């Protein structure tokens, strides 16, 4: 897993966030790099959504 994907994973394990909030928090990252990291999380199928649509990852 890339360093950015690991960071995203850690952040979403700590707190559920709307996608736009995740993006806003990483505005310093080029968009293609962000999408690749997000894609890594989607690929391993660990992203969940709460009742308000916020993304989170359950800690294992």
PDB file of N, CA and C in Angstrom:
ATOM      1  N   UNK A   1       0.853  -1.171   0.000  1.00  0.00           N
ATOM      2  CA  UNK A   1       0.000   0.000   0.000  1.00  0.00           C
ATOM      3  C   UNK A   1       0.900   1.235   0.000  1.00  0.00           C
ATOM      4  N   UNK A   2       0.543   2.210  -0.803  1.00  0.00           N
ATOM      5  CA  UNK A   2       1.333   3.437  -0.904  1.00  0.00           C
ATOM      6  C   UNK A   2       1.259   4.229   0.405  1.00  0.00           C
ATOM      7  N   UNK A   3       2.226   5.109   0.637  1.00  0.00           N
ATOM      8  CA  UNK A   3       2.184   5.936   1.858  1.00  0.00           C
ATOM      9  C   UNK A   3       0.902   6.770   1.962  1.00  0.00           C
ATOM     10  N   UNK A   4       0.444   7.312   0.846  1.00  0.00           N
ATOM     11  CA  UNK A   4      -0.789   8.123   0.900  1.00  0.00           C
ATOM     12  C   UNK A   4      -1.991   7.243   1.232  1.00  0.00           C
ATOM     13  N   UNK A   5      -2.081   6.069   0.640  1.00  0.00           N
ATOM     14  CA  UNK A   5      -3.193   5.162   0.953  1.00  0.00           C
ATOM     15  C   UNK A   5      -3.156   4.766   2.427  1.00  0.00           C
ATOM     16  N   UNK A   6      -1.967   4.563   2.964  1.00  0.00           N
ATOM     17  CA  UNK A   6      -1.822   4.239   4.381  1.00  0.00           C
ATOM     18  C   UNK A   6      -2.303   5.393   5.250  1.00  0.00           C
ATOM     19  N   UNK A   7      -1.974   6.610   4.855  1.00  0.00           N
ATOM     20  CA  UNK A   7      -2.433   7.794   5.588  1.00  0.00           C
ATOM     21  C   UNK A   7      -3.952   7.908   5.535  1.00  0.00           C
ATOM     22  N   UNK A   8      -4.519   7.724   4.359  1.00  0.00           N
ATOM     23  CA  UNK A   8      -5.978   7.777   4.223  1.00  0.00           C
ATOM     24  C   UNK A   8      -6.629   6.717   5.099  1.00  0.00           C
ATOM     25  N   UNK A   9      -6.065   5.518   5.083  1.00  0.00           N
ATOM     26  CA  UNK A   9      -6.595   4.418   5.894  1.00  0.00           C
ATOM     27  C   UNK A   9      -6.579   4.775   7.373  1.00  0.00           C
ATOM     28  N   UNK A  10      -5.470   5.281   7.848  1.00  0.00           N
ATOM     29  CA  UNK A  10      -5.333   5.658   9.258  1.00  0.00           C
ATOM     30  C   UNK A  10      -6.352   6.735   9.632  1.00  0.00           C
ATOM     31  N   UNK A  11      -6.496   7.730   8.775  1.00  0.00           N
ATOM     32  CA  UNK A  11      -7.448   8.815   9.046  1.00  0.00           C
ATOM     33  C   UNK A  11      -8.886   8.309   9.091  1.00  0.00           C
ATOM     34  N   UNK A  12      -9.235   7.412   8.184  1.00  0.00           N
ATOM     35  CA  UNK A  12     -10.611   6.911   8.135  1.00  0.00           C
ATOM     36  C   UNK A  12     -10.882   5.860   9.207  1.00  0.00           C
ATOM     37  N   UNK A  13      -9.846   5.277   9.766  1.00  0.00           N
ATOM     38  CA  UNK A  13     -10.025   4.401  10.918  1.00  0.00           C
ATOM     39  C   UNK A  13     -10.313   5.225  12.175  1.00  0.00           C
ATOM     40  N   UNK A  14      -9.774   6.432  12.216  1.00  0.00           N
ATOM     41  CA  UNK A  14      -9.943   7.298  13.383  1.00  0.00           C
ATOM     42  C   UNK A  14     -11.290   8.021  13.384  1.00  0.00           C
ATOM     43  N   UNK A  15     -11.780   8.371  12.179  1.00  0.00           N
ATOM     44  CA  UNK A  15     -12.996   9.192  12.109  1.00  0.00           C
ATOM     45  C   UNK A  15     -13.635   9.069  10.732  1.00  0.00           C
ATOM     46  N   UNK A  16     -14.950   8.920  10.691  1.00  0.00           N
ATOM     47  CA  UNK A  16     -15.688   8.896   9.429  1.00  0.00           C
ATOM     48  C   UNK A  16     -15.663  10.291   8.816  1.00  0.00           C
ATOM     49  N   UNK A  17     -15.507  10.344   7.482  1.00  0.00           N
ATOM     50  CA  UNK A  17     -15.446  11.635   6.792  1.00  0.00           C
ATOM     51  C   UNK A  17     -16.153  11.545   5.455  1.00  0.00           C
ATOM     52  N   UNK A  18     -16.764  12.648   5.082  1.00  0.00           N
ATOM     53  CA  UNK A  18     -17.333  12.758   3.748  1.00  0.00           C
ATOM     54  C   UNK A  18     -16.177  12.817   2.741  1.00  0.00           C
ATOM     55  N   UNK A  19     -16.430  12.339   1.532  1.00  0.00           N
ATOM     56  CA  UNK A  19     -15.368  12.305   0.523  1.00  0.00           C
ATOM     57  C   UNK A  19     -14.762  13.692   0.313  1.00  0.00           C
ATOM     58  N   UNK A  20     -15.588  14.713   0.226  1.00  0.00           N
ATOM     59  CA  UNK A  20     -15.064  16.063  -0.023  1.00  0.00           C
ATOM     60  C   UNK A  20     -14.155  16.523   1.116  1.00  0.00           C
ATOM     61  N   UNK A  21     -14.410  16.072   2.331  1.00  0.00           N
ATOM     62  CA  UNK A  21     -13.537  16.428   3.452  1.00  0.00           C
ATOM     63  C   UNK A  21     -12.183  15.727   3.340  1.00  0.00           C
ATOM     64  N   UNK A  22     -12.202  14.484   2.878  1.00  0.00           N
ATOM     65  CA  UNK A  22     -10.945  13.758   2.670  1.00  0.00           C
ATOM     66  C   UNK A  22     -10.131  14.469   1.588  1.00  0.00           C
ATOM     67  N   UNK A  23     -10.788  14.836   0.499  1.00  0.00           N
ATOM     68  CA  UNK A  23     -10.115  15.545  -0.586  1.00  0.00           C
ATOM     69  C   UNK A  23      -9.564  16.876  -0.082  1.00  0.00           C
ATOM     70  N   UNK A  24     -10.373  17.649   0.626  1.00  0.00           N
ATOM     71  CA  UNK A  24      -9.937  18.961   1.125  1.00  0.00           C
ATOM     72  C   UNK A  24      -8.723  18.847   2.027  1.00  0.00           C
ATOM     73  N   UNK A  25      -8.633  17.772   2.786  1.00  0.00           N
ATOM     74  CA  UNK A  25      -7.516  17.577   3.708  1.00  0.00           C
ATOM     75  C   UNK A  25      -6.218  17.256   2.968  1.00  0.00           C
ATOM     76  N   UNK A  26      -6.324  16.851   1.706  1.00  0.00           N
ATOM     77  CA  UNK A  26      -5.142  16.454   0.929  1.00  0.00           C
ATOM     78  C   UNK A  26      -5.003  17.282  -0.348  1.00  0.00           C
ATOM     79  N   UNK A  27      -5.332  18.571  -0.263  1.00  0.00           N
ATOM     80  CA  UNK A  27      -5.254  19.446  -1.427  1.00  0.00           C
ATOM     81  C   UNK A  27      -3.828  19.631  -1.944  1.00  0.00           C
ATOM     82  N   UNK A  28      -2.843  19.309  -1.115  1.00  0.00           N
ATOM     83  CA  UNK A  28      -1.453  19.440  -1.535  1.00  0.00           C
ATOM     84  C   UNK A  28      -0.984  18.263  -2.396  1.00  0.00           C
ATOM     85  N   UNK A  29      -1.814  17.247  -2.512  1.00  0.00           N
ATOM     86  CA  UNK A  29      -1.479  16.044  -3.284  1.00  0.00           C
ATOM     87  C   UNK A  29      -2.056  16.190  -4.690  1.00  0.00           C
ATOM     88  N   UNK A  30      -1.262  15.902  -5.726  1.00  0.00           N
ATOM     89  CA  UNK A  30      -1.816  15.950  -7.084  1.00  0.00           C
ATOM     90  C   UNK A  30      -3.012  15.001  -7.210  1.00  0.00           C
ATOM     91  N   UNK A  31      -4.025  15.455  -7.935  1.00  0.00           N
ATOM     92  CA  UNK A  31      -5.278  14.709  -8.067  1.00  0.00           C
ATOM     93  C   UNK A  31      -5.059  13.271  -8.541  1.00  0.00           C
ATOM     94  N   UNK A  32      -4.245  13.015  -9.569  1.00  0.00           N
ATOM     95  CA  UNK A  32      -4.045  11.619  -9.989  1.00  0.00           C
ATOM     96  C   UNK A  32      -3.453  10.745  -8.879  1.00  0.00           C
ATOM     97  N   UNK A  33      -2.556  11.307  -8.078  1.00  0.00           N
ATOM     98  CA  UNK A  33      -1.964  10.557  -6.969  1.00  0.00           C
ATOM     99  C   UNK A  33      -3.017  10.246  -5.900  1.00  0.00           C
ATOM    100  N   UNK A  34      -3.861  11.231  -5.621  1.00  0.00           N
ATOM    101  CA  UNK A  34      -4.925  11.019  -4.650  1.00  0.00           C
ATOM    102  C   UNK A  34      -5.876   9.916  -5.127  1.00  0.00           C
ATOM    103  N   UNK A  35      -6.261   9.988  -6.388  1.00  0.00           N
ATOM    104  CA  UNK A  35      -7.194   8.989  -6.921  1.00  0.00           C
ATOM    105  C   UNK A  35      -6.584   7.588  -6.928  1.00  0.00           C
ATOM    106  N   UNK A  36      -5.290   7.491  -7.195  1.00  0.00           N
ATOM    107  CA  UNK A  36      -4.637   6.180  -7.131  1.00  0.00           C
ATOM    108  C   UNK A  36      -4.692   5.615  -5.721  1.00  0.00           C
ATOM    109  N   UNK A  37      -4.396   6.453  -4.724  1.00  0.00           N
ATOM    110  CA  UNK A  37      -4.421   6.008  -3.328  1.00  0.00           C
ATOM    111  C   UNK A  37      -5.843   5.625  -2.917  1.00  0.00           C
ATOM    112  N   UNK A  38      -6.819   6.428  -3.298  1.00  0.00           N
ATOM    113  CA  UNK A  38      -8.226   6.120  -2.996  1.00  0.00           C
ATOM    114  C   UNK A  38      -8.606   4.802  -3.659  1.00  0.00           C
ATOM    115  N   UNK A  39      -8.149   4.612  -4.878  1.00  0.00           N
ATOM    116  CA  UNK A  39      -8.404   3.380  -5.600  1.00  0.00           C
ATOM    117  C   UNK A  39      -7.812   2.160  -4.906  1.00  0.00           C
ATOM    118  N   UNK A  40      -6.658   2.343  -4.269  1.00  0.00           N
ATOM    119  CA  UNK A  40      -6.068   1.237  -3.503  1.00  0.00           C
ATOM    120  C   UNK A  40      -7.007   0.794  -2.386  1.00  0.00           C
ATOM    121  N   UNK A  41      -7.602   1.760  -1.695  1.00  0.00           N
ATOM    122  CA  UNK A  41      -8.532   1.425  -0.612  1.00  0.00           C
ATOM    123  C   UNK A  41      -9.783   0.749  -1.161  1.00  0.00           C
ATOM    124  N   UNK A  42     -10.274   1.221  -2.287  1.00  0.00           N
ATOM    125  CA  UNK A  42     -11.464   0.610  -2.896  1.00  0.00           C
ATOM    126  C   UNK A  42     -11.147  -0.803  -3.369  1.00  0.00           C
ATOM    127  N   UNK A  43      -9.955  -0.977  -3.916  1.00  0.00           N
ATOM    128  CA  UNK A  43      -9.557  -2.272  -4.459  1.00  0.00           C
ATOM    129  C   UNK A  43      -9.504  -3.371  -3.391  1.00  0.00           C
ATOM    130  N   UNK A  44      -9.051  -3.004  -2.188  1.00  0.00           N
ATOM    131  CA  UNK A  44      -8.977  -4.011  -1.121  1.00  0.00           C
ATOM    132  C   UNK A  44     -10.280  -4.091  -0.326  1.00  0.00           C
ATOM    133  N   UNK A  45     -11.275  -3.309  -0.753  1.00  0.00           N
ATOM    134  CA  UNK A  45     -12.655  -3.419  -0.252  1.00  0.00           C
ATOM    135  C   UNK A  45     -12.772  -3.258   1.267  1.00  0.00           C
ATOM    136  N   UNK A  46     -12.168  -2.187   1.795  1.00  0.00           N
ATOM    137  CA  UNK A  46     -12.252  -1.941   3.238  1.00  0.00           C
ATOM    138  C   UNK A  46     -13.071  -0.697   3.569  1.00  0.00           C
ATOM    139  N   UNK A  47     -13.439   0.084   2.551  1.00  0.00           N
ATOM    140  CA  UNK A  47     -14.214   1.298   2.800  1.00  0.00           C
ATOM    141  C   UNK A  47     -15.661   0.952   3.107  1.00  0.00           C
ATOM    142  N   UNK A  48     -16.180   1.563   4.148  1.00  0.00           N
ATOM    143  CA  UNK A  48     -17.591   1.425   4.534  1.00  0.00           C
ATOM    144  C   UNK A  48     -18.194   2.826   4.528  1.00  0.00           C
ATOM    145  N   UNK A  49     -19.537   2.874   4.545  1.00  0.00           N
ATOM    146  CA  UNK A  49     -20.221   4.164   4.633  1.00  0.00           C
ATOM    147  C   UNK A  49     -21.235   4.112   5.754  1.00  0.00           C
ATOM    148  N   UNK A  50     -21.286   5.213   6.507  1.00  0.00           N
ATOM    149  CA  UNK A  50     -22.268   5.281   7.592  1.00  0.00           C
ATOM    150  C   UNK A  50     -23.609   5.781   7.052  1.00  0.00           C
ATOM    151  N   UNK A  51     -24.565   5.988   7.953  1.00  0.00           N
ATOM    152  CA  UNK A  51     -25.917   6.395   7.552  1.00  0.00           C
ATOM    153  C   UNK A  51     -25.966   7.763   6.870  1.00  0.00           C
ATOM    154  N   UNK A  52     -24.957   8.585   7.103  1.00  0.00           N
ATOM    155  CA  UNK A  52     -24.916   9.905   6.471  1.00  0.00           C
ATOM    156  C   UNK A  52     -24.050   9.922   5.226  1.00  0.00           C
ATOM    157  N   UNK A  53     -23.529   8.765   4.845  1.00  0.00           N
ATOM    158  CA  UNK A  53     -22.728   8.667   3.623  1.00  0.00           C
ATOM    159  C   UNK A  53     -21.243   8.923   3.825  1.00  0.00           C
ATOM    160  N   UNK A  54     -20.828   9.125   5.067  1.00  0.00           N
ATOM    161  CA  UNK A  54     -19.411   9.350   5.336  1.00  0.00           C
ATOM    162  C   UNK A  54     -18.659   8.031   5.237  1.00  0.00           C
ATOM    163  N   UNK A  55     -17.445   8.112   4.738  1.00  0.00           N
ATOM    164  CA  UNK A  55     -16.597   6.925   4.627  1.00  0.00           C
ATOM    165  C   UNK A  55     -15.870   6.675   5.935  1.00  0.00           C
ATOM    166  N   UNK A  56     -15.684   5.399   6.250  1.00  0.00           N
ATOM    167  CA  UNK A  56     -14.894   5.001   7.408  1.00  0.00           C
ATOM    168  C   UNK A  56     -14.322   3.620   7.150  1.00  0.00           C
ATOM    169  N   UNK A  57     -13.336   3.259   7.945  1.00  0.00           N
ATOM    170  CA  UNK A  57     -12.720   1.938   7.872  1.00  0.00           C
ATOM    171  C   UNK A  57     -12.718   1.374   9.275  1.00  0.00           C
ATOM    172  N   UNK A  58     -13.242   0.162   9.403  1.00  0.00           N
ATOM    173  CA  UNK A  58     -13.252  -0.486  10.724  1.00  0.00           C
ATOM    174  C   UNK A  58     -11.839  -0.944  11.068  1.00  0.00           C
ATOM    175  N   UNK A  59     -11.435  -0.652  12.281  1.00  0.00           N
ATOM    176  CA  UNK A  59     -10.130  -1.141  12.749  1.00  0.00           C
ATOM    177  C   UNK A  59     -10.231  -2.636  12.988  1.00  0.00           C
ATOM    178  N   UNK A  60      -9.200  -3.308  12.596  1.00  0.00           N
ATOM    179  CA  UNK A  60      -9.189  -4.767  12.779  1.00  0.00           C
ATOM    180  C   UNK A  60      -8.288  -5.125  13.943  1.00  0.00           C
TER     181      UNK A  60
END
